[in-house]
Amino acid sequence: QVQLVESGGGLVQAGGSLRLSCVASGSLFSIDTVGWYRQAPGKQRELVARISRGGSRNYADSVNGRFTISRNNAKNTVYLEMNSLKPEDTGVYYCNAVYRPFSWGQGTQVTVSS
């Protein structure tokens, strides 16, 4: 089973930027669609961005235009570039396969201060 390890989170002021990384222990190319999920305090985990093996991208309305998802299959890594961050973007961010998810990793904490 592929393991996914997220990193790159931190504390940032509103309007700032962060770049998250998700490294797969196995071949990322074997995963068709990979997504970045967010779990805000007291809320359910939600899918905020996803990218197919071929590079097709979709975003949640709340992040569209501010976040960019990308993947480098050769490096077994998926990225999430987050710009113009808002306090409501605060949460733990996870990556996983969208259609046949693996066990969830530890995630990476993103905190946006106002």
PDB file of N, CA and C in Angstrom:
ATOM      1  N   GLN A   1       0.846  -1.193   0.000  1.00  0.00           N
ATOM      2  CA  GLN A   1       0.000   0.000   0.000  1.00  0.00           C
ATOM      3  C   GLN A   1       0.878   1.237   0.000  1.00  0.00           C
ATOM      4  N   VAL A   2       0.452   2.235  -0.761  1.00  0.00           N
ATOM      5  CA  VAL A   2       1.187   3.491  -0.828  1.00  0.00           C
ATOM      6  C   VAL A   2       0.943   4.291   0.443  1.00  0.00           C
ATOM      7  N   GLN A   3       2.000   4.877   0.974  1.00  0.00           N
ATOM      8  CA  GLN A   3       1.870   5.810   2.091  1.00  0.00           C
ATOM      9  C   GLN A   3       2.141   7.216   1.591  1.00  0.00           C
ATOM     10  N   LEU A   4       1.370   8.157   2.109  1.00  0.00           N
ATOM     11  CA  LEU A   4       1.481   9.550   1.691  1.00  0.00           C
ATOM     12  C   LEU A   4       1.859  10.400   2.893  1.00  0.00           C
ATOM     13  N   VAL A   5       2.880  11.230   2.739  1.00  0.00           N
ATOM     14  CA  VAL A   5       3.366  12.052   3.842  1.00  0.00           C
ATOM     15  C   VAL A   5       3.299  13.521   3.440  1.00  0.00           C
ATOM     16  N   GLU A   6       2.536  14.279   4.225  1.00  0.00           N
ATOM     17  CA  GLU A   6       2.337  15.687   3.934  1.00  0.00           C
ATOM     18  C   GLU A   6       3.312  16.566   4.732  1.00  0.00           C
ATOM     19  N   SER A   7       3.689  17.696   4.147  1.00  0.00           N
ATOM     20  CA  SER A   7       4.560  18.650   4.842  1.00  0.00           C
ATOM     21  C   SER A   7       4.361  20.039   4.247  1.00  0.00           C
ATOM     22  N   GLY A   8       4.936  21.033   4.918  1.00  0.00           N
ATOM     23  CA  GLY A   8       4.916  22.386   4.386  1.00  0.00           C
ATOM     24  C   GLY A   8       3.968  23.344   5.081  1.00  0.00           C
ATOM     25  N   GLY A   9       3.199  22.837   6.031  1.00  0.00           N
ATOM     26  CA  GLY A   9       2.270  23.713   6.734  1.00  0.00           C
ATOM     27  C   GLY A   9       2.991  24.659   7.670  1.00  0.00           C
ATOM     28  N   GLY A  10       2.222  25.552   8.288  1.00  0.00           N
ATOM     29  CA  GLY A  10       2.810  26.496   9.224  1.00  0.00           C
ATOM     30  C   GLY A  10       1.836  27.586   9.590  1.00  0.00           C
ATOM     31  N   LEU A  11       2.365  28.588  10.264  1.00  0.00           N
ATOM     32  CA  LEU A  11       1.575  29.748  10.672  1.00  0.00           C
ATOM     33  C   LEU A  11       1.879  30.899   9.718  1.00  0.00           C
ATOM     34  N   VAL A  12       0.837  31.501   9.173  1.00  0.00           N
ATOM     35  CA  VAL A  12       1.026  32.574   8.208  1.00  0.00           C
ATOM     36  C   VAL A  12      -0.068  33.620   8.431  1.00  0.00           C
ATOM     37  N   GLN A  13       0.238  34.855   8.117  1.00  0.00           N
ATOM     38  CA  GLN A  13      -0.752  35.920   8.230  1.00  0.00           C
ATOM     39  C   GLN A  13      -1.688  35.891   7.034  1.00  0.00           C
ATOM     40  N   ALA A  14      -2.866  36.415   7.224  1.00  0.00           N
ATOM     41  CA  ALA A  14      -3.828  36.508   6.129  1.00  0.00           C
ATOM     42  C   ALA A  14      -3.190  37.261   4.959  1.00  0.00           C
ATOM     43  N   GLY A  15      -3.427  36.728   3.761  1.00  0.00           N
ATOM     44  CA  GLY A  15      -2.824  37.295   2.565  1.00  0.00           C
ATOM     45  C   GLY A  15      -1.519  36.643   2.173  1.00  0.00           C
ATOM     46  N   GLY A  16      -0.990  35.815   3.054  1.00  0.00           N
ATOM     47  CA  GLY A  16       0.280  35.150   2.800  1.00  0.00           C
ATOM     48  C   GLY A  16       0.140  33.904   1.950  1.00  0.00           C
ATOM     49  N   SER A  17       1.257  33.205   1.789  1.00  0.00           N
ATOM     50  CA  SER A  17       1.296  32.020   0.921  1.00  0.00           C
ATOM     51  C   SER A  17       2.019  30.871   1.607  1.00  0.00           C
ATOM     52  N   LEU A  18       1.650  29.682   1.221  1.00  0.00           N
ATOM     53  CA  LEU A  18       2.338  28.462   1.646  1.00  0.00           C
ATOM     54  C   LEU A  18       2.334  27.471   0.493  1.00  0.00           C
ATOM     55  N   ARG A  19       3.314  26.584   0.509  1.00  0.00           N
ATOM     56  CA  ARG A  19       3.353  25.510  -0.470  1.00  0.00           C
ATOM     57  C   ARG A  19       3.434  24.187   0.282  1.00  0.00           C
ATOM     58  N   LEU A  20       2.418  23.367   0.075  1.00  0.00           N
ATOM     59  CA  LEU A  20       2.379  22.056   0.714  1.00  0.00           C
ATOM     60  C   LEU A  20       2.915  21.000  -0.253  1.00  0.00           C
ATOM     61  N   SER A  21       3.534  19.973   0.323  1.00  0.00           N
ATOM     62  CA  SER A  21       4.039  18.850  -0.467  1.00  0.00           C
ATOM     63  C   SER A  21       3.482  17.551   0.081  1.00  0.00           C
ATOM     64  N   CYS A  22       3.272  16.610  -0.794  1.00  0.00           N
ATOM     65  CA  CYS A  22       2.793  15.275  -0.421  1.00  0.00           C
ATOM     66  C   CYS A  22       3.657  14.280  -1.172  1.00  0.00           C
ATOM     67  N   VAL A  23       4.435  13.515  -0.430  1.00  0.00           N
ATOM     68  CA  VAL A  23       5.333  12.534  -1.044  1.00  0.00           C
ATOM     69  C   VAL A  23       4.759  11.137  -0.877  1.00  0.00           C
ATOM     70  N   ALA A  24       4.701  10.405  -1.981  1.00  0.00           N
ATOM     71  CA  ALA A  24       4.189   9.028  -1.953  1.00  0.00           C
ATOM     72  C   ALA A  24       5.348   8.044  -1.807  1.00  0.00           C
ATOM     73  N   SER A  25       5.123   7.005  -0.994  1.00  0.00           N
ATOM     74  CA  SER A  25       6.180   6.016  -0.781  1.00  0.00           C
ATOM     75  C   SER A  25       6.354   5.118  -1.998  1.00  0.00           C
ATOM     76  N   GLY A  26       5.274   4.977  -2.784  1.00  0.00           N
ATOM     77  CA  GLY A  26       5.354   4.158  -3.986  1.00  0.00           C
ATOM     78  C   GLY A  26       5.198   5.030  -5.216  1.00  0.00           C
ATOM     79  N   SER A  27       4.827   4.430  -6.311  1.00  0.00           N
ATOM     80  CA  SER A  27       4.689   5.169  -7.556  1.00  0.00           C
ATOM     81  C   SER A  27       3.428   6.017  -7.552  1.00  0.00           C
ATOM     82  N   LEU A  28       3.620   7.326  -7.657  1.00  0.00           N
ATOM     83  CA  LEU A  28       2.479   8.226  -7.732  1.00  0.00           C
ATOM     84  C   LEU A  28       1.713   7.997  -9.034  1.00  0.00           C
ATOM     85  N   PHE A  29       2.418   7.565 -10.046  1.00  0.00           N
ATOM     86  CA  PHE A  29       1.772   7.373 -11.342  1.00  0.00           C
ATOM     87  C   PHE A  29       0.694   6.308 -11.265  1.00  0.00           C
ATOM     88  N   SER A  30       0.801   5.405 -10.277  1.00  0.00           N
ATOM     89  CA  SER A  30      -0.196   4.344 -10.135  1.00  0.00           C
ATOM     90  C   SER A  30      -1.526   4.879  -9.597  1.00  0.00           C
ATOM     91  N   ILE A  31      -1.534   6.101  -9.092  1.00  0.00           N
ATOM     92  CA  ILE A  31      -2.750   6.700  -8.544  1.00  0.00           C
ATOM     93  C   ILE A  31      -3.357   7.610  -9.604  1.00  0.00           C
ATOM     94  N   ASP A  32      -4.591   7.326  -9.982  1.00  0.00           N
ATOM     95  CA  ASP A  32      -5.219   8.115 -11.045  1.00  0.00           C
ATOM     96  C   ASP A  32      -5.424   9.566 -10.599  1.00  0.00           C
ATOM     97  N   THR A  33      -6.261   9.779  -9.619  1.00  0.00           N
ATOM     98  CA  THR A  33      -6.578  11.137  -9.181  1.00  0.00           C
ATOM     99  C   THR A  33      -6.184  11.304  -7.721  1.00  0.00           C
ATOM    100  N   VAL A  34      -5.410  12.336  -7.457  1.00  0.00           N
ATOM    101  CA  VAL A  34      -4.956  12.641  -6.099  1.00  0.00           C
ATOM    102  C   VAL A  34      -5.590  13.951  -5.653  1.00  0.00           C
ATOM    103  N   GLY A  35      -5.982  14.002  -4.413  1.00  0.00           N
ATOM    104  CA  GLY A  35      -6.617  15.204  -3.908  1.00  0.00           C
ATOM    105  C   GLY A  35      -5.952  15.733  -2.657  1.00  0.00           C
ATOM    106  N   TRP A  36      -6.117  17.018  -2.446  1.00  0.00           N
ATOM    107  CA  TRP A  36      -5.769  17.658  -1.173  1.00  0.00           C
ATOM    108  C   TRP A  36      -7.081  17.921  -0.434  1.00  0.00           C
ATOM    109  N   TYR A  37      -7.096  17.508   0.807  1.00  0.00           N
ATOM    110  CA  TYR A  37      -8.263  17.662   1.656  1.00  0.00           C
ATOM    111  C   TYR A  37      -7.916  18.588   2.818  1.00  0.00           C
ATOM    112  N   ARG A  38      -8.962  19.185   3.379  1.00  0.00           N
ATOM    113  CA  ARG A  38      -8.773  20.083   4.523  1.00  0.00           C
ATOM    114  C   ARG A  38      -9.806  19.726   5.602  1.00  0.00           C
ATOM    115  N   GLN A  39      -9.332  19.694   6.828  1.00  0.00           N
ATOM    116  CA  GLN A  39     -10.255  19.507   7.952  1.00  0.00           C
ATOM    117  C   GLN A  39     -10.079  20.666   8.922  1.00  0.00           C
ATOM    118  N   ALA A  40     -11.069  21.537   8.932  1.00  0.00           N
ATOM    119  CA  ALA A  40     -11.056  22.678   9.841  1.00  0.00           C
ATOM    120  C   ALA A  40     -11.539  22.219  11.215  1.00  0.00           C
ATOM    121  N   PRO A  41     -11.177  22.951  12.247  1.00  0.00           N
ATOM    122  CA  PRO A  41     -11.594  22.579  13.602  1.00  0.00           C
ATOM    123  C   PRO A  41     -13.111  22.426  13.701  1.00  0.00           C
ATOM    124  N   GLY A  42     -13.565  21.280  14.196  1.00  0.00           N
ATOM    125  CA  GLY A  42     -14.986  21.037  14.383  1.00  0.00           C
ATOM    126  C   GLY A  42     -15.768  20.754  13.116  1.00  0.00           C
ATOM    127  N   LYS A  43     -15.066  20.593  11.991  1.00  0.00           N
ATOM    128  CA  LYS A  43     -15.761  20.345  10.725  1.00  0.00           C
ATOM    129  C   LYS A  43     -15.296  19.044  10.096  1.00  0.00           C
ATOM    130  N   GLN A  44     -16.065  18.574   9.137  1.00  0.00           N
ATOM    131  CA  GLN A  44     -15.692  17.368   8.411  1.00  0.00           C
ATOM    132  C   GLN A  44     -14.599  17.670   7.396  1.00  0.00           C
ATOM    133  N   ARG A  45     -13.863  16.647   7.068  1.00  0.00           N
ATOM    134  CA  ARG A  45     -12.834  16.770   6.052  1.00  0.00           C
ATOM    135  C   ARG A  45     -13.485  17.059   4.702  1.00  0.00           C
ATOM    136  N   GLU A  46     -12.911  17.986   3.952  1.00  0.00           N
ATOM    137  CA  GLU A  46     -13.455  18.338   2.647  1.00  0.00           C
ATOM    138  C   GLU A  46     -12.348  18.314   1.595  1.00  0.00           C
ATOM    139  N   LEU A  47     -12.738  17.989   0.387  1.00  0.00           N
ATOM    140  CA  LEU A  47     -11.816  17.985  -0.736  1.00  0.00           C
ATOM    141  C   LEU A  47     -11.708  19.406  -1.286  1.00  0.00           C
ATOM    142  N   VAL A  48     -10.495  19.945  -1.336  1.00  0.00           N
ATOM    143  CA  VAL A  48     -10.334  21.319  -1.816  1.00  0.00           C
ATOM    144  C   VAL A  48      -9.714  21.385  -3.214  1.00  0.00           C
ATOM    145  N   ALA A  49      -8.986  20.354  -3.608  1.00  0.00           N
ATOM    146  CA  ALA A  49      -8.369  20.363  -4.940  1.00  0.00           C
ATOM    147  C   ALA A  49      -8.027  18.938  -5.326  1.00  0.00           C
ATOM    148  N   ARG A  50      -8.094  18.650  -6.620  1.00  0.00           N
ATOM    149  CA  ARG A  50      -7.723  17.328  -7.089  1.00  0.00           C
ATOM    150  C   ARG A  50      -7.104  17.447  -8.473  1.00  0.00           C
ATOM    151  N   ILE A  51      -6.272  16.442  -8.793  1.00  0.00           N
ATOM    152  CA  ILE A  51      -5.591  16.430 -10.080  1.00  0.00           C
ATOM    153  C   ILE A  51      -5.511  15.001 -10.578  1.00  0.00           C
ATOM    154  N   SER A  52      -5.835  14.810 -11.839  1.00  0.00           N
ATOM    155  CA  SER A  52      -5.793  13.480 -12.428  1.00  0.00           C
ATOM    156  C   SER A  52      -4.383  13.145 -12.907  1.00  0.00           C
ATOM    157  N   ARG A  53      -4.194  11.903 -13.288  1.00  0.00           N
ATOM    158  CA  ARG A  53      -2.890  11.480 -13.805  1.00  0.00           C
ATOM    159  C   ARG A  53      -2.519  12.317 -15.027  1.00  0.00           C
ATOM    160  N   GLY A  54      -3.512  12.680 -15.805  1.00  0.00           N
ATOM    161  CA  GLY A  54      -3.271  13.442 -17.019  1.00  0.00           C
ATOM    162  C   GLY A  54      -3.146  14.943 -16.799  1.00  0.00           C
ATOM    163  N   GLY A  55      -3.395  15.385 -15.556  1.00  0.00           N
ATOM    164  CA  GLY A  55      -3.204  16.789 -15.249  1.00  0.00           C
ATOM    165  C   GLY A  55      -4.466  17.628 -15.165  1.00  0.00           C
ATOM    166  N   SER A  56      -5.640  17.012 -15.303  1.00  0.00           N
ATOM    167  CA  SER A  56      -6.888  17.767 -15.157  1.00  0.00           C
ATOM    168  C   SER A  56      -7.077  18.148 -13.700  1.00  0.00           C
ATOM    169  N   ARG A  57      -7.472  19.391 -13.471  1.00  0.00           N
ATOM    170  CA  ARG A  57      -7.587  19.915 -12.101  1.00  0.00           C
ATOM    171  C   ARG A  57      -9.007  20.384 -11.803  1.00  0.00           C
ATOM    172  N   ASN A  58      -9.404  20.217 -10.572  1.00  0.00           N
ATOM    173  CA  ASN A  58     -10.671  20.754 -10.088  1.00  0.00           C
ATOM    174  C   ASN A  58     -10.460  21.327  -8.697  1.00  0.00           C
ATOM    175  N   TYR A  59     -11.212  22.395  -8.402  1.00  0.00           N
ATOM    176  CA  TYR A  59     -11.065  23.073  -7.107  1.00  0.00           C
ATOM    177  C   TYR A  59     -12.421  23.318  -6.470  1.00  0.00           C
ATOM    178  N   ALA A  60     -12.418  23.331  -5.160  1.00  0.00           N
ATOM    179  CA  ALA A  60     -13.614  23.772  -4.442  1.00  0.00           C
ATOM    180  C   ALA A  60     -13.790  25.262  -4.688  1.00  0.00           C
ATOM    181  N   ASP A  61     -15.029  25.713  -4.680  1.00  0.00           N
ATOM    182  CA  ASP A  61     -15.306  27.135  -4.930  1.00  0.00           C
ATOM    183  C   ASP A  61     -14.553  28.038  -3.957  1.00  0.00           C
ATOM    184  N   SER A  62     -14.405  27.569  -2.727  1.00  0.00           N
ATOM    185  CA  SER A  62     -13.796  28.396  -1.680  1.00  0.00           C
ATOM    186  C   SER A  62     -12.312  28.683  -1.921  1.00  0.00           C
ATOM    187  N   VAL A  63     -11.653  27.886  -2.760  1.00  0.00           N
ATOM    188  CA  VAL A  63     -10.216  28.077  -2.980  1.00  0.00           C
ATOM    189  C   VAL A  63      -9.889  28.374  -4.439  1.00  0.00           C
ATOM    190  N   ASN A  64     -10.869  28.278  -5.312  1.00  0.00           N
ATOM    191  CA  ASN A  64     -10.648  28.487  -6.739  1.00  0.00           C
ATOM    192  C   ASN A  64     -10.072  29.880  -6.997  1.00  0.00           C
ATOM    193  N   GLY A  65      -8.977  29.897  -7.749  1.00  0.00           N
ATOM    194  CA  GLY A  65      -8.335  31.173  -8.050  1.00  0.00           C
ATOM    195  C   GLY A  65      -7.228  31.530  -7.075  1.00  0.00           C
ATOM    196  N   ARG A  66      -7.165  30.820  -5.944  1.00  0.00           N
ATOM    197  CA  ARG A  66      -6.131  31.108  -4.945  1.00  0.00           C
ATOM    198  C   ARG A  66      -5.176  29.932  -4.756  1.00  0.00           C
ATOM    199  N   PHE A  67      -5.670  28.715  -4.924  1.00  0.00           N
ATOM    200  CA  PHE A  67      -4.862  27.505  -4.748  1.00  0.00           C
ATOM    201  C   PHE A  67      -4.560  26.886  -6.110  1.00  0.00           C
ATOM    202  N   THR A  68      -3.396  26.264  -6.203  1.00  0.00           N
ATOM    203  CA  THR A  68      -3.020  25.546  -7.415  1.00  0.00           C
ATOM    204  C   THR A  68      -2.437  24.196  -7.030  1.00  0.00           C
ATOM    205  N   ILE A  69      -3.025  23.137  -7.594  1.00  0.00           N
ATOM    206  CA  ILE A  69      -2.525  21.788  -7.348  1.00  0.00           C
ATOM    207  C   ILE A  69      -1.681  21.345  -8.534  1.00  0.00           C
ATOM    208  N   SER A  70      -0.601  20.629  -8.250  1.00  0.00           N
ATOM    209  CA  SER A  70       0.245  20.102  -9.318  1.00  0.00           C
ATOM    210  C   SER A  70       0.834  18.777  -8.853  1.00  0.00           C
ATOM    211  N   ARG A  71       1.339  18.019  -9.790  1.00  0.00           N
ATOM    212  CA  ARG A  71       1.956  16.747  -9.434  1.00  0.00           C
ATOM    213  C   ARG A  71       3.184  16.513 -10.292  1.00  0.00           C
ATOM    214  N   ASN A  72       4.175  15.869  -9.702  1.00  0.00           N
ATOM    215  CA  ASN A  72       5.390  15.480 -10.399  1.00  0.00           C
ATOM    216  C   ASN A  72       5.523  13.978 -10.201  1.00  0.00           C
ATOM    217  N   ASN A  73       5.075  13.227 -11.196  1.00  0.00           N
ATOM    218  CA  ASN A  73       5.078  11.768 -11.062  1.00  0.00           C
ATOM    219  C   ASN A  73       6.488  11.210 -10.917  1.00  0.00           C
ATOM    220  N   ALA A  74       7.447  11.849 -11.563  1.00  0.00           N
ATOM    221  CA  ALA A  74       8.832  11.374 -11.481  1.00  0.00           C
ATOM    222  C   ALA A  74       9.372  11.493 -10.056  1.00  0.00           C
ATOM    223  N   LYS A  75       8.878  12.496  -9.322  1.00  0.00           N
ATOM    224  CA  LYS A  75       9.316  12.690  -7.932  1.00  0.00           C
ATOM    225  C   LYS A  75       8.315  12.133  -6.934  1.00  0.00           C
ATOM    226  N   ASN A  76       7.254  11.506  -7.442  1.00  0.00           N
ATOM    227  CA  ASN A  76       6.220  10.933  -6.569  1.00  0.00           C
ATOM    228  C   ASN A  76       5.680  11.974  -5.585  1.00  0.00           C
ATOM    229  N   THR A  77       5.470  13.182  -6.074  1.00  0.00           N
ATOM    230  CA  THR A  77       5.078  14.288  -5.200  1.00  0.00           C
ATOM    231  C   THR A  77       3.914  15.071  -5.795  1.00  0.00           C
ATOM    232  N   VAL A  78       2.994  15.453  -4.918  1.00  0.00           N
ATOM    233  CA  VAL A  78       1.889  16.344  -5.270  1.00  0.00           C
ATOM    234  C   VAL A  78       2.049  17.615  -4.442  1.00  0.00           C
ATOM    235  N   TYR A  79       1.796  18.742  -5.063  1.00  0.00           N
ATOM    236  CA  TYR A  79       1.965  20.037  -4.386  1.00  0.00           C
ATOM    237  C   TYR A  79       0.628  20.774  -4.312  1.00  0.00           C
ATOM    238  N   LEU A  80       0.546  21.650  -3.333  1.00  0.00           N
ATOM    239  CA  LEU A  80      -0.587  22.569  -3.256  1.00  0.00           C
ATOM    240  C   LEU A  80      -0.023  23.945  -2.949  1.00  0.00           C
ATOM    241  N   GLU A  81      -0.052  24.810  -3.944  1.00  0.00           N
ATOM    242  CA  GLU A  81       0.378  26.192  -3.782  1.00  0.00           C
ATOM    243  C   GLU A  81      -0.823  26.990  -3.316  1.00  0.00           C
ATOM    244  N   MET A  82      -0.676  27.650  -2.153  1.00  0.00           N
ATOM    245  CA  MET A  82      -1.799  28.382  -1.567  1.00  0.00           C
ATOM    246  C   MET A  82      -1.427  29.849  -1.451  1.00  0.00           C
ATOM    247  N   ASN A  83      -2.180  30.691  -2.115  1.00  0.00           N
ATOM    248  CA  ASN A  83      -1.942  32.138  -2.092  1.00  0.00           C
ATOM    249  C   ASN A  83      -3.153  32.858  -1.528  1.00  0.00           C
ATOM    250  N   SER A  84      -2.952  34.116  -1.168  1.00  0.00           N
ATOM    251  CA  SER A  84      -4.038  34.947  -0.624  1.00  0.00           C
ATOM    252  C   SER A  84      -4.794  34.208   0.467  1.00  0.00           C
ATOM    253  N   LEU A  85      -4.052  33.643   1.392  1.00  0.00           N
ATOM    254  CA  LEU A  85      -4.654  32.821   2.431  1.00  0.00           C
ATOM    255  C   LEU A  85      -5.574  33.625   3.336  1.00  0.00           C
ATOM    256  N   LYS A  86      -6.631  32.971   3.775  1.00  0.00           N
ATOM    257  CA  LYS A  86      -7.640  33.581   4.639  1.00  0.00           C
ATOM    258  C   LYS A  86      -7.713  32.791   5.958  1.00  0.00           C
ATOM    259  N   PRO A  87      -8.184  33.413   7.011  1.00  0.00           N
ATOM    260  CA  PRO A  87      -8.317  32.666   8.274  1.00  0.00           C
ATOM    261  C   PRO A  87      -9.162  31.407   8.126  1.00  0.00           C
ATOM    262  N   GLU A  88     -10.143  31.431   7.238  1.00  0.00           N
ATOM    263  CA  GLU A  88     -10.986  30.247   7.044  1.00  0.00           C
ATOM    264  C   GLU A  88     -10.278  29.110   6.323  1.00  0.00           C
ATOM    265  N   ASP A  89      -9.062  29.338   5.865  1.00  0.00           N
ATOM    266  CA  ASP A  89      -8.260  28.254   5.279  1.00  0.00           C
ATOM    267  C   ASP A  89      -7.547  27.438   6.368  1.00  0.00           C
ATOM    268  N   THR A  90      -7.654  27.867   7.588  1.00  0.00           N
ATOM    269  CA  THR A  90      -7.017  27.162   8.698  1.00  0.00           C
ATOM    270  C   THR A  90      -7.556  25.749   8.835  1.00  0.00           C
ATOM    271  N   GLY A  91      -6.649  24.803   9.047  1.00  0.00           N
ATOM    272  CA  GLY A  91      -7.041  23.423   9.232  1.00  0.00           C
ATOM    273  C   GLY A  91      -5.861  22.492   9.017  1.00  0.00           C
ATOM    274  N   VAL A  92      -6.138  21.209   9.129  1.00  0.00           N
ATOM    275  CA  VAL A  92      -5.132  20.195   8.831  1.00  0.00           C
ATOM    276  C   VAL A  92      -5.356  19.741   7.390  1.00  0.00           C
ATOM    277  N   TYR A  93      -4.286  19.770   6.612  1.00  0.00           N
ATOM    278  CA  TYR A  93      -4.359  19.414   5.199  1.00  0.00           C
ATOM    279  C   TYR A  93      -3.780  18.022   4.981  1.00  0.00           C
ATOM    280  N   TYR A  94      -4.518  17.229   4.227  1.00  0.00           N
ATOM    281  CA  TYR A  94      -4.130  15.860   3.910  1.00  0.00           C
ATOM    282  C   TYR A  94      -4.156  15.649   2.402  1.00  0.00           C
ATOM    283  N   CYS A  95      -3.382  14.703   1.941  1.00  0.00           N
ATOM    284  CA  CYS A  95      -3.503  14.282   0.555  1.00  0.00           C
ATOM    285  C   CYS A  95      -3.890  12.803   0.548  1.00  0.00           C
ATOM    286  N   ASN A  96      -4.557  12.395  -0.504  1.00  0.00           N
ATOM    287  CA  ASN A  96      -4.955  11.000  -0.635  1.00  0.00           C
ATOM    288  C   ASN A  96      -5.480  10.760  -2.035  1.00  0.00           C
ATOM    289  N   ALA A  97      -5.537   9.507  -2.393  1.00  0.00           N
ATOM    290  CA  ALA A  97      -6.184   9.126  -3.639  1.00  0.00           C
ATOM    291  C   ALA A  97      -7.668   9.426  -3.499  1.00  0.00           C
ATOM    292  N   VAL A  98      -8.272   9.952  -4.541  1.00  0.00           N
ATOM    293  CA  VAL A  98      -9.667  10.367  -4.457  1.00  0.00           C
ATOM    294  C   VAL A  98     -10.608   9.182  -4.550  1.00  0.00           C
ATOM    295  N   TYR A  99     -10.370   8.258  -5.480  1.00  0.00           N
ATOM    296  CA  TYR A  99     -11.356   7.212  -5.742  1.00  0.00           C
ATOM    297  C   TYR A  99     -11.144   5.947  -4.923  1.00  0.00           C
ATOM    298  N   ARG A 100      -9.910   5.622  -4.598  1.00  0.00           N
ATOM    299  CA  ARG A 100      -9.637   4.468  -3.729  1.00  0.00           C
ATOM    300  C   ARG A 100      -8.601   4.906  -2.699  1.00  0.00           C
ATOM    301  N   PRO A 101      -9.068   5.643  -1.696  1.00  0.00           N
ATOM    302  CA  PRO A 101      -8.120   6.236  -0.747  1.00  0.00           C
ATOM    303  C   PRO A 101      -7.362   5.204   0.074  1.00  0.00           C
ATOM    304  N   PHE A 102      -6.148   5.582   0.400  1.00  0.00           N
ATOM    305  CA  PHE A 102      -5.313   4.798   1.302  1.00  0.00           C
ATOM    306  C   PHE A 102      -5.582   5.241   2.736  1.00  0.00           C
ATOM    307  N   SER A 103      -4.874   4.645   3.674  1.00  0.00           N
ATOM    308  CA  SER A 103      -4.982   5.105   5.061  1.00  0.00           C
ATOM    309  C   SER A 103      -4.526   6.561   5.131  1.00  0.00           C
ATOM    310  N   TRP A 104      -5.209   7.345   5.953  1.00  0.00           N
ATOM    311  CA  TRP A 104      -4.888   8.758   6.059  1.00  0.00           C
ATOM    312  C   TRP A 104      -3.584   8.955   6.828  1.00  0.00           C
ATOM    313  N   GLY A 105      -2.781   9.910   6.361  1.00  0.00           N
ATOM    314  CA  GLY A 105      -1.543  10.248   7.041  1.00  0.00           C
ATOM    315  C   GLY A 105      -1.794  11.214   8.180  1.00  0.00           C
ATOM    316  N   GLN A 106      -0.715  11.800   8.676  1.00  0.00           N
ATOM    317  CA  GLN A 106      -0.814  12.729   9.805  1.00  0.00           C
ATOM    318  C   GLN A 106      -1.304  14.100   9.374  1.00  0.00           C
ATOM    319  N   GLY A 107      -1.139  14.414   8.125  1.00  0.00           N
ATOM    320  CA  GLY A 107      -1.519  15.733   7.646  1.00  0.00           C
ATOM    321  C   GLY A 107      -0.507  16.794   8.062  1.00  0.00           C
ATOM    322  N   THR A 108      -0.753  18.006   7.593  1.00  0.00           N
ATOM    323  CA  THR A 108       0.103  19.126   7.955  1.00  0.00           C
ATOM    324  C   THR A 108      -0.784  20.307   8.346  1.00  0.00           C
ATOM    325  N   GLN A 109      -0.462  20.925   9.464  1.00  0.00           N
ATOM    326  CA  GLN A 109      -1.305  21.986  10.010  1.00  0.00           C
ATOM    327  C   GLN A 109      -1.026  23.317   9.322  1.00  0.00           C
ATOM    328  N   VAL A 110      -2.102  23.965   8.889  1.00  0.00           N
ATOM    329  CA  VAL A 110      -2.020  25.318   8.335  1.00  0.00           C
ATOM    330  C   VAL A 110      -2.855  26.227   9.229  1.00  0.00           C
ATOM    331  N   THR A 111      -2.228  27.283   9.717  1.00  0.00           N
ATOM    332  CA  THR A 111      -2.929  28.250  10.553  1.00  0.00           C
ATOM    333  C   THR A 111      -2.749  29.630   9.948  1.00  0.00           C
ATOM    334  N   VAL A 112      -3.867  30.278   9.642  1.00  0.00           N
ATOM    335  CA  VAL A 112      -3.844  31.609   9.053  1.00  0.00           C
ATOM    336  C   VAL A 112      -4.402  32.596  10.070  1.00  0.00           C
ATOM    337  N   SER A 113      -3.572  33.537  10.468  1.00  0.00           N
ATOM    338  CA  SER A 113      -3.996  34.522  11.460  1.00  0.00           C
ATOM    339  C   SER A 113      -4.535  35.766  10.762  1.00  0.00           C
ATOM    340  N   SER A 114      -5.496  36.402  11.415  1.00  0.00           N
ATOM    341  CA  SER A 114      -6.109  37.605  10.817  1.00  0.00           C
ATOM    342  C   SER A 114      -5.347  38.866  11.194  1.00  0.00           C
TER     343      SER A 114
END
